[in-house]
Amino acid sequence: MSYTHWFIPLCIGVSIGVSIVFSTAIMILTIATLSFRSKIKRKYDRGKFSD
Protein backbone atom coordinates (compact mmCIF):
# COMPACT_ATOMS: atom_id res chain seq x y z
CA MET A 1 0.00 0.00 0.00
CA SER A 2 2.22 2.79 -1.25
CA TYR A 3 -0.57 5.35 -1.53
CA THR A 4 -0.73 5.76 2.25
CA HIS A 5 2.80 7.21 2.20
CA TRP A 6 1.58 10.32 0.39
CA PHE A 7 -2.13 10.19 1.23
CA ILE A 8 -1.82 10.54 5.01
CA PRO A 9 0.68 13.46 4.93
CA LEU A 10 -1.52 15.10 2.28
CA CYS A 11 -4.57 14.85 4.53
CA ILE A 12 -2.60 16.20 7.50
CA GLY A 13 -1.22 19.09 5.45
CA VAL A 14 -4.62 19.97 4.02
CA SER A 15 -6.26 19.90 7.44
CA ILE A 16 -3.51 22.10 8.91
CA GLY A 17 -3.79 24.52 5.98
CA VAL A 18 -7.56 24.70 6.26
CA SER A 19 -7.40 25.31 10.00
CA ILE A 20 -4.80 28.06 9.51
CA VAL A 21 -6.95 29.72 6.84
CA PHE A 22 -10.07 29.52 8.99
CA SER A 23 -8.36 30.87 12.11
CA THR A 24 -6.84 33.72 10.09
CA ALA A 25 -10.22 34.57 8.57
CA ILE A 26 -11.90 34.53 11.99
CA MET A 27 -9.19 36.80 13.43
CA ILE A 28 -9.57 39.27 10.54
CA LEU A 29 -13.36 39.26 10.84
CA THR A 30 -13.19 39.79 14.61
CA ILE A 31 -10.75 42.69 14.31
CA ALA A 32 -12.77 44.26 11.48
CA THR A 33 -16.00 43.92 13.44
CA LEU A 34 -14.48 45.47 16.55
CA SER A 35 -12.99 48.41 14.67
CA PHE A 36 -16.25 48.91 12.74
CA ARG A 37 -18.21 48.86 16.00
CA SER A 38 -15.97 51.42 17.63
CA LYS A 39 -16.34 53.68 14.58
CA ILE A 40 -20.12 53.35 14.69
CA LYS A 41 -20.19 53.99 18.43
CA ARG A 42 -18.04 57.08 18.04
CA LYS A 43 -20.16 58.33 15.16
CA TYR A 44 -23.62 57.84 16.66
CA ASP A 45 -22.93 58.01 20.38
CA ARG A 46 -23.72 61.49 21.67
CA GLY A 47 -22.79 60.69 25.26
CA LYS A 48 -26.13 59.11 26.14
CA PHE A 49 -24.73 55.61 26.64
CA SER A 50 -21.75 54.97 28.85
CA ASP A 51 -19.96 51.68 28.22
C-alpha atoms as a PDB file:
ATOM      1  CA  MET A   1       0.000   0.000   0.000  1.00  0.00           C
ATOM      2  CA  SER A   2       2.218   2.788  -1.246  1.00  0.00           C
ATOM      3  CA  TYR A   3      -0.567   5.351  -1.531  1.00  0.00           C
ATOM      4  CA  THR A   4      -0.734   5.757   2.246  1.00  0.00           C
ATOM      5  CA  HIS A   5       2.801   7.206   2.204  1.00  0.00           C
ATOM      6  CA  TRP A   6       1.582  10.320   0.393  1.00  0.00           C
ATOM      7  CA  PHE A   7      -2.134  10.192   1.225  1.00  0.00           C
ATOM      8  CA  ILE A   8      -1.825  10.543   5.010  1.00  0.00           C
ATOM      9  CA  PRO A   9       0.677  13.462   4.929  1.00  0.00           C
ATOM     10  CA  LEU A  10      -1.516  15.103   2.282  1.00  0.00           C
ATOM     11  CA  CYS A  11      -4.566  14.846   4.533  1.00  0.00           C
ATOM     12  CA  ILE A  12      -2.603  16.205   7.503  1.00  0.00           C
ATOM     13  CA  GLY A  13      -1.216  19.089   5.446  1.00  0.00           C
ATOM     14  CA  VAL A  14      -4.621  19.969   4.016  1.00  0.00           C
ATOM     15  CA  SER A  15      -6.260  19.900   7.439  1.00  0.00           C
ATOM     16  CA  ILE A  16      -3.512  22.100   8.909  1.00  0.00           C
ATOM     17  CA  GLY A  17      -3.788  24.516   5.979  1.00  0.00           C
ATOM     18  CA  VAL A  18      -7.560  24.704   6.255  1.00  0.00           C
ATOM     19  CA  SER A  19      -7.401  25.313  10.004  1.00  0.00           C
ATOM     20  CA  ILE A  20      -4.801  28.059   9.506  1.00  0.00           C
ATOM     21  CA  VAL A  21      -6.950  29.722   6.839  1.00  0.00           C
ATOM     22  CA  PHE A  22     -10.075  29.519   8.992  1.00  0.00           C
ATOM     23  CA  SER A  23      -8.356  30.873  12.109  1.00  0.00           C
ATOM     24  CA  THR A  24      -6.841  33.724  10.089  1.00  0.00           C
ATOM     25  CA  ALA A  25     -10.224  34.568   8.566  1.00  0.00           C
ATOM     26  CA  ILE A  26     -11.903  34.527  11.991  1.00  0.00           C
ATOM     27  CA  MET A  27      -9.193  36.803  13.435  1.00  0.00           C
ATOM     28  CA  ILE A  28      -9.567  39.275  10.542  1.00  0.00           C
ATOM     29  CA  LEU A  29     -13.358  39.264  10.839  1.00  0.00           C
ATOM     30  CA  THR A  30     -13.193  39.787  14.611  1.00  0.00           C
ATOM     31  CA  ILE A  31     -10.748  42.694  14.309  1.00  0.00           C
ATOM     32  CA  ALA A  32     -12.767  44.256  11.476  1.00  0.00           C
ATOM     33  CA  THR A  33     -16.000  43.918  13.440  1.00  0.00           C
ATOM     34  CA  LEU A  34     -14.479  45.470  16.554  1.00  0.00           C
ATOM     35  CA  SER A  35     -12.988  48.410  14.673  1.00  0.00           C
ATOM     36  CA  PHE A  36     -16.248  48.906  12.741  1.00  0.00           C
ATOM     37  CA  ARG A  37     -18.212  48.863  15.996  1.00  0.00           C
ATOM     38  CA  SER A  38     -15.968  51.418  17.625  1.00  0.00           C
ATOM     39  CA  LYS A  39     -16.337  53.682  14.576  1.00  0.00           C
ATOM     40  CA  ILE A  40     -20.124  53.347  14.687  1.00  0.00           C
ATOM     41  CA  LYS A  41     -20.194  53.994  18.428  1.00  0.00           C
ATOM     42  CA  ARG A  42     -18.039  57.082  18.041  1.00  0.00           C
ATOM     43  CA  LYS A  43     -20.164  58.328  15.159  1.00  0.00           C
ATOM     44  CA  TYR A  44     -23.618  57.838  16.663  1.00  0.00           C
ATOM     45  CA  ASP A  45     -22.930  58.005  20.376  1.00  0.00           C
ATOM     46  CA  ARG A  46     -23.720  61.487  21.667  1.00  0.00           C
ATOM     47  CA  GLY A  47     -22.791  60.689  25.257  1.00  0.00           C
ATOM     48  CA  LYS A  48     -26.131  59.113  26.137  1.00  0.00           C
ATOM     49  CA  PHE A  49     -24.734  55.614  26.640  1.00  0.00           C
ATOM     50  CA  SER A  50     -21.747  54.966  28.854  1.00  0.00           C
ATOM     51  CA  ASP A  51     -19.956  51.680  28.225  1.00  0.00           C
END
